[in-house]
Amino acid sequence: MLSSKYRFHSRGGVKYTYQKGKTIRTPKLSLVFAPNKKQRQRYAVVVSKKVLKTAVGRNRIRRRLYEAIRLEFDPTIKLDCIFVIYSRDFLKMDFEKIRTQIRELLDKARVV
């Protein structure tokens, strides 16, 4: 799982990222990112109750995505990133497929 020092700890940073950031969308997942003035990047994963009603399922999706982010972690990036989940398919999706989707979105964010 991704270390807590690389996660958001207040709503202010999340709110700023939503307002000033850019968005890359895919059918099941989107990435909202904004440049970061801090020394390290921060990540968040958002799973709505509309996607999955049970907290157990939402937390499982969140844990799987944080692990994929940890494995694709690049210390040279200075971005605040919020991953928004639109599909319950992440609950049973193959982990390697999740990891490739995360990698593709992060690569697109570096280019933009």
PDB file of N, CA and C in Angstrom:
ATOM      1  N   MET A   1       0.835  -1.173   0.000  1.00  0.00           N
ATOM      2  CA  MET A   1       0.000   0.000   0.000  1.00  0.00           C
ATOM      3  C   MET A   1       0.888   1.246   0.000  1.00  0.00           C
ATOM      4  N   LEU A   2       0.394   2.295  -0.603  1.00  0.00           N
ATOM      5  CA  LEU A   2       1.132   3.548  -0.706  1.00  0.00           C
ATOM      6  C   LEU A   2       1.286   4.191   0.672  1.00  0.00           C
ATOM      7  N   SER A   3       2.464   4.667   0.978  1.00  0.00           N
ATOM      8  CA  SER A   3       2.745   5.294   2.268  1.00  0.00           C
ATOM      9  C   SER A   3       1.865   6.524   2.481  1.00  0.00           C
ATOM     10  N   SER A   4       1.516   6.798   3.713  1.00  0.00           N
ATOM     11  CA  SER A   4       0.613   7.913   4.011  1.00  0.00           C
ATOM     12  C   SER A   4       1.250   9.270   3.731  1.00  0.00           C
ATOM     13  N   LYS A   5       2.578   9.342   3.658  1.00  0.00           N
ATOM     14  CA  LYS A   5       3.198  10.637   3.361  1.00  0.00           C
ATOM     15  C   LYS A   5       2.992  11.044   1.908  1.00  0.00           C
ATOM     16  N   TYR A   6       2.552  10.117   1.058  1.00  0.00           N
ATOM     17  CA  TYR A   6       2.267  10.430  -0.338  1.00  0.00           C
ATOM     18  C   TYR A   6       0.764  10.534  -0.614  1.00  0.00           C
ATOM     19  N   ARG A   7      -0.037  10.703   0.431  1.00  0.00           N
ATOM     20  CA  ARG A   7      -1.483  10.852   0.275  1.00  0.00           C
ATOM     21  C   ARG A   7      -1.906  12.247   0.707  1.00  0.00           C
ATOM     22  N   PHE A   8      -3.095  12.642   0.292  1.00  0.00           N
ATOM     23  CA  PHE A   8      -3.658  13.912   0.736  1.00  0.00           C
ATOM     24  C   PHE A   8      -4.096  13.784   2.191  1.00  0.00           C
ATOM     25  N   HIS A   9      -3.910  14.879   2.971  1.00  0.00           N
ATOM     26  CA  HIS A   9      -4.296  14.853   4.372  1.00  0.00           C
ATOM     27  C   HIS A   9      -5.326  15.915   4.719  1.00  0.00           C
ATOM     28  N   SER A  10      -5.696  16.721   3.751  1.00  0.00           N
ATOM     29  CA  SER A  10      -6.717  17.723   4.020  1.00  0.00           C
ATOM     30  C   SER A  10      -7.572  17.904   2.777  1.00  0.00           C
ATOM     31  N   ARG A  11      -8.727  18.459   2.965  1.00  0.00           N
ATOM     32  CA  ARG A  11      -9.609  18.686   1.825  1.00  0.00           C
ATOM     33  C   ARG A  11      -9.167  19.871   0.987  1.00  0.00           C
ATOM     34  N   GLY A  12      -8.358  20.746   1.554  1.00  0.00           N
ATOM     35  CA  GLY A  12      -7.899  21.919   0.825  1.00  0.00           C
ATOM     36  C   GLY A  12      -7.097  21.553  -0.410  1.00  0.00           C
ATOM     37  N   GLY A  13      -6.196  20.596  -0.279  1.00  0.00           N
ATOM     38  CA  GLY A  13      -5.392  20.165  -1.411  1.00  0.00           C
ATOM     39  C   GLY A  13      -6.221  19.472  -2.469  1.00  0.00           C
ATOM     40  N   VAL A  14      -7.183  18.676  -2.037  1.00  0.00           N
ATOM     41  CA  VAL A  14      -8.066  17.995  -2.975  1.00  0.00           C
ATOM     42  C   VAL A  14      -8.928  19.015  -3.709  1.00  0.00           C
ATOM     43  N   LYS A  15      -9.447  19.970  -2.979  1.00  0.00           N
ATOM     44  CA  LYS A  15     -10.287  21.007  -3.580  1.00  0.00           C
ATOM     45  C   LYS A  15      -9.496  21.825  -4.602  1.00  0.00           C
ATOM     46  N   TYR A  16      -8.266  22.184  -4.262  1.00  0.00           N
ATOM     47  CA  TYR A  16      -7.412  22.933  -5.180  1.00  0.00           C
ATOM     48  C   TYR A  16      -7.141  22.120  -6.447  1.00  0.00           C
ATOM     49  N   THR A  17      -6.863  20.836  -6.289  1.00  0.00           N
ATOM     50  CA  THR A  17      -6.576  19.982  -7.436  1.00  0.00           C
ATOM     51  C   THR A  17      -7.788  19.871  -8.350  1.00  0.00           C
ATOM     52  N   TYR A  18      -8.979  19.729  -7.779  1.00  0.00           N
ATOM     53  CA  TYR A  18     -10.196  19.674  -8.603  1.00  0.00           C
ATOM     54  C   TYR A  18     -10.417  20.988  -9.349  1.00  0.00           C
ATOM     55  N   GLN A  19     -10.169  22.126  -8.693  1.00  0.00           N
ATOM     56  CA  GLN A  19     -10.440  23.421  -9.312  1.00  0.00           C
ATOM     57  C   GLN A  19      -9.406  23.803 -10.359  1.00  0.00           C
ATOM     58  N   LYS A  20      -8.138  23.621 -10.078  1.00  0.00           N
ATOM     59  CA  LYS A  20      -7.066  24.099 -10.953  1.00  0.00           C
ATOM     60  C   LYS A  20      -6.469  23.022 -11.846  1.00  0.00           C
ATOM     61  N   GLY A  21      -6.830  21.766 -11.597  1.00  0.00           N
ATOM     62  CA  GLY A  21      -6.198  20.667 -12.308  1.00  0.00           C
ATOM     63  C   GLY A  21      -6.801  20.375 -13.664  1.00  0.00           C
ATOM     64  N   LYS A  22      -6.122  19.510 -14.386  1.00  0.00           N
ATOM     65  CA  LYS A  22      -6.593  19.019 -15.673  1.00  0.00           C
ATOM     66  C   LYS A  22      -7.060  17.584 -15.482  1.00  0.00           C
ATOM     67  N   THR A  23      -7.931  17.136 -16.397  1.00  0.00           N
ATOM     68  CA  THR A  23      -8.520  15.817 -16.267  1.00  0.00           C
ATOM     69  C   THR A  23      -8.247  14.975 -17.501  1.00  0.00           C
ATOM     70  N   ILE A  24      -7.895  13.725 -17.269  1.00  0.00           N
ATOM     71  CA  ILE A  24      -7.780  12.730 -18.318  1.00  0.00           C
ATOM     72  C   ILE A  24      -8.801  11.647 -17.999  1.00  0.00           C
ATOM     73  N   ARG A  25      -9.698  11.375 -18.949  1.00  0.00           N
ATOM     74  CA  ARG A  25     -10.789  10.428 -18.695  1.00  0.00           C
ATOM     75  C   ARG A  25     -10.651   9.169 -19.540  1.00  0.00           C
ATOM     76  N   THR A  26     -11.021   8.071 -18.929  1.00  0.00           N
ATOM     77  CA  THR A  26     -11.224   6.815 -19.624  1.00  0.00           C
ATOM     78  C   THR A  26     -12.624   6.349 -19.232  1.00  0.00           C
ATOM     79  N   PRO A  27     -13.173   5.329 -19.877  1.00  0.00           N
ATOM     80  CA  PRO A  27     -14.543   4.915 -19.528  1.00  0.00           C
ATOM     81  C   PRO A  27     -14.730   4.470 -18.074  1.00  0.00           C
ATOM     82  N   LYS A  28     -13.706   3.905 -17.449  1.00  0.00           N
ATOM     83  CA  LYS A  28     -13.857   3.377 -16.094  1.00  0.00           C
ATOM     84  C   LYS A  28     -13.144   4.183 -15.027  1.00  0.00           C
ATOM     85  N   LEU A  29     -12.287   5.101 -15.449  1.00  0.00           N
ATOM     86  CA  LEU A  29     -11.392   5.761 -14.511  1.00  0.00           C
ATOM     87  C   LEU A  29     -10.995   7.119 -15.062  1.00  0.00           C
ATOM     88  N   SER A  30     -10.794   8.089 -14.188  1.00  0.00           N
ATOM     89  CA  SER A  30     -10.249   9.369 -14.636  1.00  0.00           C
ATOM     90  C   SER A  30      -9.162   9.813 -13.661  1.00  0.00           C
ATOM     91  N   LEU A  31      -8.297  10.677 -14.169  1.00  0.00           N
ATOM     92  CA  LEU A  31      -7.204  11.223 -13.379  1.00  0.00           C
ATOM     93  C   LEU A  31      -7.296  12.734 -13.421  1.00  0.00           C
ATOM     94  N   VAL A  32      -7.386  13.350 -12.249  1.00  0.00           N
ATOM     95  CA  VAL A  32      -7.345  14.802 -12.118  1.00  0.00           C
ATOM     96  C   VAL A  32      -5.987  15.128 -11.527  1.00  0.00           C
ATOM     97  N   PHE A  33      -5.222  15.988 -12.198  1.00  0.00           N
ATOM     98  CA  PHE A  33      -3.875  16.277 -11.720  1.00  0.00           C
ATOM     99  C   PHE A  33      -3.577  17.759 -11.827  1.00  0.00           C
ATOM    100  N   ALA A  34      -2.722  18.225 -10.943  1.00  0.00           N
ATOM    101  CA  ALA A  34      -2.299  19.622 -10.919  1.00  0.00           C
ATOM    102  C   ALA A  34      -0.845  19.665 -10.465  1.00  0.00           C
ATOM    103  N   PRO A  35      -0.088  20.679 -10.918  1.00  0.00           N
ATOM    104  CA  PRO A  35       1.297  20.801 -10.464  1.00  0.00           C
ATOM    105  C   PRO A  35       1.361  21.004  -8.956  1.00  0.00           C
ATOM    106  N   ASN A  36       2.424  20.509  -8.376  1.00  0.00           N
ATOM    107  CA  ASN A  36       2.578  20.530  -6.938  1.00  0.00           C
ATOM    108  C   ASN A  36       3.774  21.399  -6.574  1.00  0.00           C
ATOM    109  N   LYS A  37       3.609  22.282  -5.606  1.00  0.00           N
ATOM    110  CA  LYS A  37       4.705  23.136  -5.144  1.00  0.00           C
ATOM    111  C   LYS A  37       5.464  22.504  -3.986  1.00  0.00           C
ATOM    112  N   LYS A  38       4.987  21.379  -3.508  1.00  0.00           N
ATOM    113  CA  LYS A  38       5.641  20.697  -2.396  1.00  0.00           C
ATOM    114  C   LYS A  38       6.788  19.839  -2.922  1.00  0.00           C
ATOM    115  N   GLN A  39       7.523  19.240  -2.027  1.00  0.00           N
ATOM    116  CA  GLN A  39       8.687  18.450  -2.410  1.00  0.00           C
ATOM    117  C   GLN A  39       8.334  17.044  -2.888  1.00  0.00           C
ATOM    118  N   ARG A  40       7.098  16.620  -2.690  1.00  0.00           N
ATOM    119  CA  ARG A  40       6.699  15.274  -3.117  1.00  0.00           C
ATOM    120  C   ARG A  40       5.277  15.286  -3.666  1.00  0.00           C
ATOM    121  N   GLN A  41       4.976  14.250  -4.428  1.00  0.00           N
ATOM    122  CA  GLN A  41       3.645  14.156  -4.994  1.00  0.00           C
ATOM    123  C   GLN A  41       2.666  13.582  -3.981  1.00  0.00           C
ATOM    124  N   ARG A  42       1.382  13.818  -4.255  1.00  0.00           N
ATOM    125  CA  ARG A  42       0.328  13.300  -3.392  1.00  0.00           C
ATOM    126  C   ARG A  42      -0.721  12.632  -4.256  1.00  0.00           C
ATOM    127  N   TYR A  43      -1.349  11.596  -3.716  1.00  0.00           N
ATOM    128  CA  TYR A  43      -2.339  10.828  -4.453  1.00  0.00           C
ATOM    129  C   TYR A  43      -3.594  10.663  -3.614  1.00  0.00           C
ATOM    130  N   ALA A  44      -4.726  10.511  -4.304  1.00  0.00           N
ATOM    131  CA  ALA A  44      -5.985  10.169  -3.659  1.00  0.00           C
ATOM    132  C   ALA A  44      -6.769   9.282  -4.615  1.00  0.00           C
ATOM    133  N   VAL A  45      -7.587   8.412  -4.051  1.00  0.00           N
ATOM    134  CA  VAL A  45      -8.476   7.556  -4.835  1.00  0.00           C
ATOM    135  C   VAL A  45      -9.882   7.807  -4.334  1.00  0.00           C
ATOM    136  N   VAL A  46     -10.796   8.143  -5.259  1.00  0.00           N
ATOM    137  CA  VAL A  46     -12.176   8.457  -4.907  1.00  0.00           C
ATOM    138  C   VAL A  46     -13.084   7.399  -5.527  1.00  0.00           C
ATOM    139  N   VAL A  47     -13.865   6.720  -4.669  1.00  0.00           N
ATOM    140  CA  VAL A  47     -14.849   5.744  -5.126  1.00  0.00           C
ATOM    141  C   VAL A  47     -16.188   6.161  -4.537  1.00  0.00           C
ATOM    142  N   SER A  48     -17.119   6.521  -5.374  1.00  0.00           N
ATOM    143  CA  SER A  48     -18.410   7.021  -4.934  1.00  0.00           C
ATOM    144  C   SER A  48     -19.327   5.886  -4.490  1.00  0.00           C
ATOM    145  N   LYS A  49     -20.314   6.232  -3.678  1.00  0.00           N
ATOM    146  CA  LYS A  49     -21.335   5.262  -3.290  1.00  0.00           C
ATOM    147  C   LYS A  49     -22.189   4.850  -4.478  1.00  0.00           C
ATOM    148  N   LYS A  50     -22.232   5.682  -5.510  1.00  0.00           N
ATOM    149  CA  LYS A  50     -22.966   5.310  -6.715  1.00  0.00           C
ATOM    150  C   LYS A  50     -22.300   4.141  -7.430  1.00  0.00           C
ATOM    151  N   VAL A  51     -20.998   4.017  -7.278  1.00  0.00           N
ATOM    152  CA  VAL A  51     -20.262   2.927  -7.909  1.00  0.00           C
ATOM    153  C   VAL A  51     -20.521   1.622  -7.154  1.00  0.00           C
ATOM    154  N   LEU A  52     -20.393   1.672  -5.843  1.00  0.00           N
ATOM    155  CA  LEU A  52     -20.556   0.475  -5.025  1.00  0.00           C
ATOM    156  C   LEU A  52     -21.124   0.891  -3.677  1.00  0.00           C
ATOM    157  N   LYS A  53     -22.201   0.253  -3.266  1.00  0.00           N
ATOM    158  CA  LYS A  53     -22.905   0.672  -2.050  1.00  0.00           C
ATOM    159  C   LYS A  53     -22.173   0.298  -0.759  1.00  0.00           C
ATOM    160  N   THR A  54     -21.462  -0.801  -0.744  1.00  0.00           N
ATOM    161  CA  THR A  54     -20.855  -1.252   0.504  1.00  0.00           C
ATOM    162  C   THR A  54     -19.479  -0.618   0.711  1.00  0.00           C
ATOM    163  N   ALA A  55     -19.214  -0.229   1.933  1.00  0.00           N
ATOM    164  CA  ALA A  55     -17.923   0.366   2.274  1.00  0.00           C
ATOM    165  C   ALA A  55     -16.798  -0.642   2.113  1.00  0.00           C
ATOM    166  N   VAL A  56     -17.095  -1.905   2.357  1.00  0.00           N
ATOM    167  CA  VAL A  56     -16.080  -2.944   2.222  1.00  0.00           C
ATOM    168  C   VAL A  56     -15.584  -3.015   0.776  1.00  0.00           C
ATOM    169  N   GLY A  57     -16.506  -2.971  -0.172  1.00  0.00           N
ATOM    170  CA  GLY A  57     -16.131  -3.013  -1.591  1.00  0.00           C
ATOM    171  C   GLY A  57     -15.388  -1.767  -2.030  1.00  0.00           C
ATOM    172  N   ARG A  58     -15.863  -0.600  -1.598  1.00  0.00           N
ATOM    173  CA  ARG A  58     -15.185   0.653  -1.953  1.00  0.00           C
ATOM    174  C   ARG A  58     -13.775   0.687  -1.392  1.00  0.00           C
ATOM    175  N   ASN A  59     -13.600   0.233  -0.155  1.00  0.00           N
ATOM    176  CA  ASN A  59     -12.269   0.216   0.452  1.00  0.00           C
ATOM    177  C   ASN A  59     -11.354  -0.789  -0.230  1.00  0.00           C
ATOM    178  N   ARG A  60     -11.898  -1.903  -0.684  1.00  0.00           N
ATOM    179  CA  ARG A  60     -11.081  -2.878  -1.399  1.00  0.00           C
ATOM    180  C   ARG A  60     -10.576  -2.306  -2.718  1.00  0.00           C
ATOM    181  N   ILE A  61     -11.454  -1.620  -3.445  1.00  0.00           N
ATOM    182  CA  ILE A  61     -11.045  -0.968  -4.690  1.00  0.00           C
ATOM    183  C   ILE A  61      -9.953   0.056  -4.389  1.00  0.00           C
ATOM    184  N   ARG A  62     -10.146   0.847  -3.351  1.00  0.00           N
ATOM    185  CA  ARG A  62      -9.186   1.877  -2.967  1.00  0.00           C
ATOM    186  C   ARG A  62      -7.821   1.269  -2.631  1.00  0.00           C
ATOM    187  N   ARG A  63      -7.817   0.192  -1.867  1.00  0.00           N
ATOM    188  CA  ARG A  63      -6.559  -0.469  -1.503  1.00  0.00           C
ATOM    189  C   ARG A  63      -5.847  -1.025  -2.722  1.00  0.00           C
ATOM    190  N   ARG A  64      -6.600  -1.615  -3.655  1.00  0.00           N
ATOM    191  CA  ARG A  64      -5.983  -2.170  -4.870  1.00  0.00           C
ATOM    192  C   ARG A  64      -5.358  -1.057  -5.713  1.00  0.00           C
ATOM    193  N   LEU A  65      -6.033   0.081  -5.823  1.00  0.00           N
ATOM    194  CA  LEU A  65      -5.480   1.175  -6.610  1.00  0.00           C
ATOM    195  C   LEU A  65      -4.266   1.797  -5.924  1.00  0.00           C
ATOM    196  N   TYR A  66      -4.291   1.935  -4.619  1.00  0.00           N
ATOM    197  CA  TYR A  66      -3.119   2.468  -3.917  1.00  0.00           C
ATOM    198  C   TYR A  66      -1.912   1.553  -4.102  1.00  0.00           C
ATOM    199  N   GLU A  67      -2.139   0.248  -4.127  1.00  0.00           N
ATOM    200  CA  GLU A  67      -1.032  -0.682  -4.345  1.00  0.00           C
ATOM    201  C   GLU A  67      -0.490  -0.547  -5.767  1.00  0.00           C
ATOM    202  N   ALA A  68      -1.371  -0.389  -6.753  1.00  0.00           N
ATOM    203  CA  ALA A  68      -0.924  -0.200  -8.137  1.00  0.00           C
ATOM    204  C   ALA A  68      -0.152   1.113  -8.279  1.00  0.00           C
ATOM    205  N   ILE A  69      -0.606   2.149  -7.595  1.00  0.00           N
ATOM    206  CA  ILE A  69       0.104   3.435  -7.616  1.00  0.00           C
ATOM    207  C   ILE A  69       1.491   3.270  -7.001  1.00  0.00           C
ATOM    208  N   ARG A  70       1.573   2.535  -5.894  1.00  0.00           N
ATOM    209  CA  ARG A  70       2.864   2.316  -5.228  1.00  0.00           C
ATOM    210  C   ARG A  70       3.848   1.612  -6.157  1.00  0.00           C
ATOM    211  N   LEU A  71       3.359   0.645  -6.912  1.00  0.00           N
ATOM    212  CA  LEU A  71       4.241  -0.098  -7.817  1.00  0.00           C
ATOM    213  C   LEU A  71       4.656   0.736  -9.027  1.00  0.00           C
ATOM    214  N   GLU A  72       3.846   1.721  -9.408  1.00  0.00           N
ATOM    215  CA  GLU A  72       4.160   2.590 -10.541  1.00  0.00           C
ATOM    216  C   GLU A  72       4.744   3.929 -10.088  1.00  0.00           C
ATOM    217  N   PHE A  73       5.140   4.015  -8.836  1.00  0.00           N
ATOM    218  CA  PHE A  73       5.602   5.269  -8.242  1.00  0.00           C
ATOM    219  C   PHE A  73       6.877   5.771  -8.916  1.00  0.00           C
ATOM    220  N   ASP A  74       6.890   7.055  -9.264  1.00  0.00           N
ATOM    221  CA  ASP A  74       8.057   7.693  -9.871  1.00  0.00           C
ATOM    222  C   ASP A  74       8.375   8.950  -9.058  1.00  0.00           C
ATOM    223  N   PRO A  75       9.492   8.989  -8.340  1.00  0.00           N
ATOM    224  CA  PRO A  75       9.790  10.130  -7.463  1.00  0.00           C
ATOM    225  C   PRO A  75      10.088  11.432  -8.202  1.00  0.00           C
ATOM    226  N   THR A  76      10.275  11.382  -9.516  1.00  0.00           N
ATOM    227  CA  THR A  76      10.586  12.605 -10.255  1.00  0.00           C
ATOM    228  C   THR A  76       9.338  13.430 -10.564  1.00  0.00           C
ATOM    229  N   ILE A  77       8.161  12.832 -10.466  1.00  0.00           N
ATOM    230  CA  ILE A  77       6.915  13.551 -10.761  1.00  0.00           C
ATOM    231  C   ILE A  77       6.566  14.436  -9.570  1.00  0.00           C
ATOM    232  N   LYS A  78       6.212  15.687  -9.836  1.00  0.00           N
ATOM    233  CA  LYS A  78       5.769  16.597  -8.778  1.00  0.00           C
ATOM    234  C   LYS A  78       4.333  17.036  -9.083  1.00  0.00           C
ATOM    235  N   LEU A  79       3.402  16.081  -8.980  1.00  0.00           N
ATOM    236  CA  LEU A  79       1.997  16.344  -9.278  1.00  0.00           C
ATOM    237  C   LEU A  79       1.130  15.891  -8.117  1.00  0.00           C
ATOM    238  N   ASP A  80      -0.004  16.560  -7.963  1.00  0.00           N
ATOM    239  CA  ASP A  80      -1.067  16.067  -7.108  1.00  0.00           C
ATOM    240  C   ASP A  80      -2.024  15.320  -8.015  1.00  0.00           C
ATOM    241  N   CYS A  81      -2.313  14.061  -7.696  1.00  0.00           N
ATOM    242  CA  CYS A  81      -3.134  13.217  -8.561  1.00  0.00           C
ATOM    243  C   CYS A  81      -4.320  12.662  -7.782  1.00  0.00           C
ATOM    244  N   ILE A  82      -5.495  12.750  -8.389  1.00  0.00           N
ATOM    245  CA  ILE A  82      -6.700  12.157  -7.818  1.00  0.00           C
ATOM    246  C   ILE A  82      -7.277  11.207  -8.856  1.00  0.00           C
ATOM    247  N   PHE A  83      -7.399   9.943  -8.492  1.00  0.00           N
ATOM    248  CA  PHE A  83      -8.006   8.948  -9.361  1.00  0.00           C
ATOM    249  C   PHE A  83      -9.469   8.800  -8.962  1.00  0.00           C
ATOM    250  N   VAL A  84     -10.378   8.973  -9.933  1.00  0.00           N
ATOM    251  CA  VAL A  84     -11.808   8.859  -9.688  1.00  0.00           C
ATOM    252  C   VAL A  84     -12.299   7.609 -10.416  1.00  0.00           C
ATOM    253  N   ILE A  85     -12.956   6.720  -9.672  1.00  0.00           N
ATOM    254  CA  ILE A  85     -13.409   5.447 -10.207  1.00  0.00           C
ATOM    255  C   ILE A  85     -14.870   5.572 -10.620  1.00  0.00           C
ATOM    256  N   TYR A  86     -15.188   5.096 -11.841  1.00  0.00           N
ATOM    257  CA  TYR A  86     -16.552   5.142 -12.358  1.00  0.00           C
ATOM    258  C   TYR A  86     -17.179   3.764 -12.524  1.00  0.00           C
ATOM    259  N   SER A  87     -16.435   2.697 -12.274  1.00  0.00           N
ATOM    260  CA  SER A  87     -16.939   1.361 -12.555  1.00  0.00           C
ATOM    261  C   SER A  87     -16.627   0.409 -11.412  1.00  0.00           C
ATOM    262  N   ARG A  88     -17.560  -0.468 -11.123  1.00  0.00           N
ATOM    263  CA  ARG A  88     -17.341  -1.470 -10.082  1.00  0.00           C
ATOM    264  C   ARG A  88     -16.489  -2.626 -10.577  1.00  0.00           C
ATOM    265  N   ASP A  89     -16.105  -2.599 -11.846  1.00  0.00           N
ATOM    266  CA  ASP A  89     -15.281  -3.657 -12.420  1.00  0.00           C
ATOM    267  C   ASP A  89     -13.914  -3.768 -11.736  1.00  0.00           C
ATOM    268  N   PHE A  90     -13.457  -2.709 -11.098  1.00  0.00           N
ATOM    269  CA  PHE A  90     -12.152  -2.740 -10.432  1.00  0.00           C
ATOM    270  C   PHE A  90     -12.136  -3.710  -9.257  1.00  0.00           C
ATOM    271  N   LEU A  91     -13.300  -4.090  -8.782  1.00  0.00           N
ATOM    272  CA  LEU A  91     -13.388  -5.023  -7.666  1.00  0.00           C
ATOM    273  C   LEU A  91     -12.880  -6.407  -8.059  1.00  0.00           C
ATOM    274  N   LYS A  92     -13.162  -6.821  -9.297  1.00  0.00           N
ATOM    275  CA  LYS A  92     -12.782  -8.168  -9.738  1.00  0.00           C
ATOM    276  C   LYS A  92     -11.809  -8.170 -10.901  1.00  0.00           C
ATOM    277  N   MET A  93     -11.349  -6.977 -11.301  1.00  0.00           N
ATOM    278  CA  MET A  93     -10.430  -6.866 -12.423  1.00  0.00           C
ATOM    279  C   MET A  93      -9.064  -7.440 -12.058  1.00  0.00           C
ATOM    280  N   ASP A  94      -8.382  -8.013 -13.045  1.00  0.00           N
ATOM    281  CA  ASP A  94      -7.041  -8.524 -12.864  1.00  0.00           C
ATOM    282  C   ASP A  94      -6.123  -7.375 -12.435  1.00  0.00           C
ATOM    283  N   PHE A  95      -5.253  -7.643 -11.454  1.00  0.00           N
ATOM    284  CA  PHE A  95      -4.412  -6.578 -10.900  1.00  0.00           C
ATOM    285  C   PHE A  95      -3.462  -5.999 -11.942  1.00  0.00           C
ATOM    286  N   GLU A  96      -2.938  -6.820 -12.824  1.00  0.00           N
ATOM    287  CA  GLU A  96      -2.029  -6.322 -13.860  1.00  0.00           C
ATOM    288  C   GLU A  96      -2.744  -5.355 -14.804  1.00  0.00           C
ATOM    289  N   LYS A  97      -4.007  -5.594 -15.057  1.00  0.00           N
ATOM    290  CA  LYS A  97      -4.782  -4.686 -15.902  1.00  0.00           C
ATOM    291  C   LYS A  97      -4.980  -3.332 -15.205  1.00  0.00           C
ATOM    292  N   ILE A  98      -5.241  -3.367 -13.913  1.00  0.00           N
ATOM    293  CA  ILE A  98      -5.350  -2.122 -13.140  1.00  0.00           C
ATOM    294  C   ILE A  98      -4.027  -1.364 -13.202  1.00  0.00           C
ATOM    295  N   ARG A  99      -2.955  -2.092 -13.028  1.00  0.00           N
ATOM    296  CA  ARG A  99      -1.627  -1.470 -13.022  1.00  0.00           C
ATOM    297  C   ARG A  99      -1.304  -0.815 -14.366  1.00  0.00           C
ATOM    298  N   THR A 100      -1.648  -1.467 -15.469  1.00  0.00           N
ATOM    299  CA  THR A 100      -1.381  -0.869 -16.779  1.00  0.00           C
ATOM    300  C   THR A 100      -2.231   0.377 -17.003  1.00  0.00           C
ATOM    301  N   GLN A 101      -3.481   0.372 -16.529  1.00  0.00           N
ATOM    302  CA  GLN A 101      -4.318   1.566 -16.667  1.00  0.00           C
ATOM    303  C   GLN A 101      -3.742   2.732 -15.871  1.00  0.00           C
ATOM    304  N   ILE A 102      -3.261   2.466 -14.661  1.00  0.00           N
ATOM    305  CA  ILE A 102      -2.646   3.507 -13.839  1.00  0.00           C
ATOM    306  C   ILE A 102      -1.394   4.041 -14.540  1.00  0.00           C
ATOM    307  N   ARG A 103      -0.576   3.138 -15.053  1.00  0.00           N
ATOM    308  CA  ARG A 103       0.659   3.532 -15.738  1.00  0.00           C
ATOM    309  C   ARG A 103       0.357   4.413 -16.953  1.00  0.00           C
ATOM    310  N   GLU A 104      -0.649   4.034 -17.753  1.00  0.00           N
ATOM    311  CA  GLU A 104      -1.005   4.816 -18.943  1.00  0.00           C
ATOM    312  C   GLU A 104      -1.475   6.219 -18.565  1.00  0.00           C
ATOM    313  N   LEU A 105      -2.307   6.333 -17.531  1.00  0.00           N
ATOM    314  CA  LEU A 105      -2.791   7.648 -17.116  1.00  0.00           C
ATOM    315  C   LEU A 105      -1.658   8.518 -16.582  1.00  0.00           C
ATOM    316  N   LEU A 106      -0.754   7.934 -15.801  1.00  0.00           N
ATOM    317  CA  LEU A 106       0.356   8.712 -15.279  1.00  0.00           C
ATOM    318  C   LEU A 106       1.298   9.148 -16.394  1.00  0.00           C
ATOM    319  N   ASP A 107       1.490   8.316 -17.402  1.00  0.00           N
ATOM    320  CA  ASP A 107       2.324   8.703 -18.551  1.00  0.00           C
ATOM    321  C   ASP A 107       1.686   9.860 -19.315  1.00  0.00           C
ATOM    322  N   LYS A 108       0.376   9.811 -19.500  1.00  0.00           N
ATOM    323  CA  LYS A 108      -0.323  10.917 -20.174  1.00  0.00           C
ATOM    324  C   LYS A 108      -0.228  12.206 -19.363  1.00  0.00           C
ATOM    325  N   ALA A 109      -0.292  12.091 -18.048  1.00  0.00           N
ATOM    326  CA  ALA A 109      -0.207  13.279 -17.192  1.00  0.00           C
ATOM    327  C   ALA A 109       1.172  13.922 -17.282  1.00  0.00           C
ATOM    328  N   ARG A 110       2.227  13.117 -17.419  1.00  0.00           N
ATOM    329  CA  ARG A 110       3.575  13.664 -17.556  1.00  0.00           C
ATOM    330  C   ARG A 110       3.730  14.429 -18.851  1.00  0.00           C
ATOM    331  N   VAL A 111       3.083  13.961 -19.913  1.00  0.00           N
ATOM    332  CA  VAL A 111       3.198  14.603 -21.223  1.00  0.00           C
ATOM    333  C   VAL A 111       2.469  15.934 -21.255  1.00  0.00           C
ATOM    334  N   VAL A 112       1.310  15.994 -20.596  1.00  0.00           N
ATOM    335  CA  VAL A 112       0.464  17.195 -20.613  1.00  0.00           C
ATOM    336  C   VAL A 112       1.052  18.293 -19.818  1.00  0.00           C
TER     337      VAL A 112
END
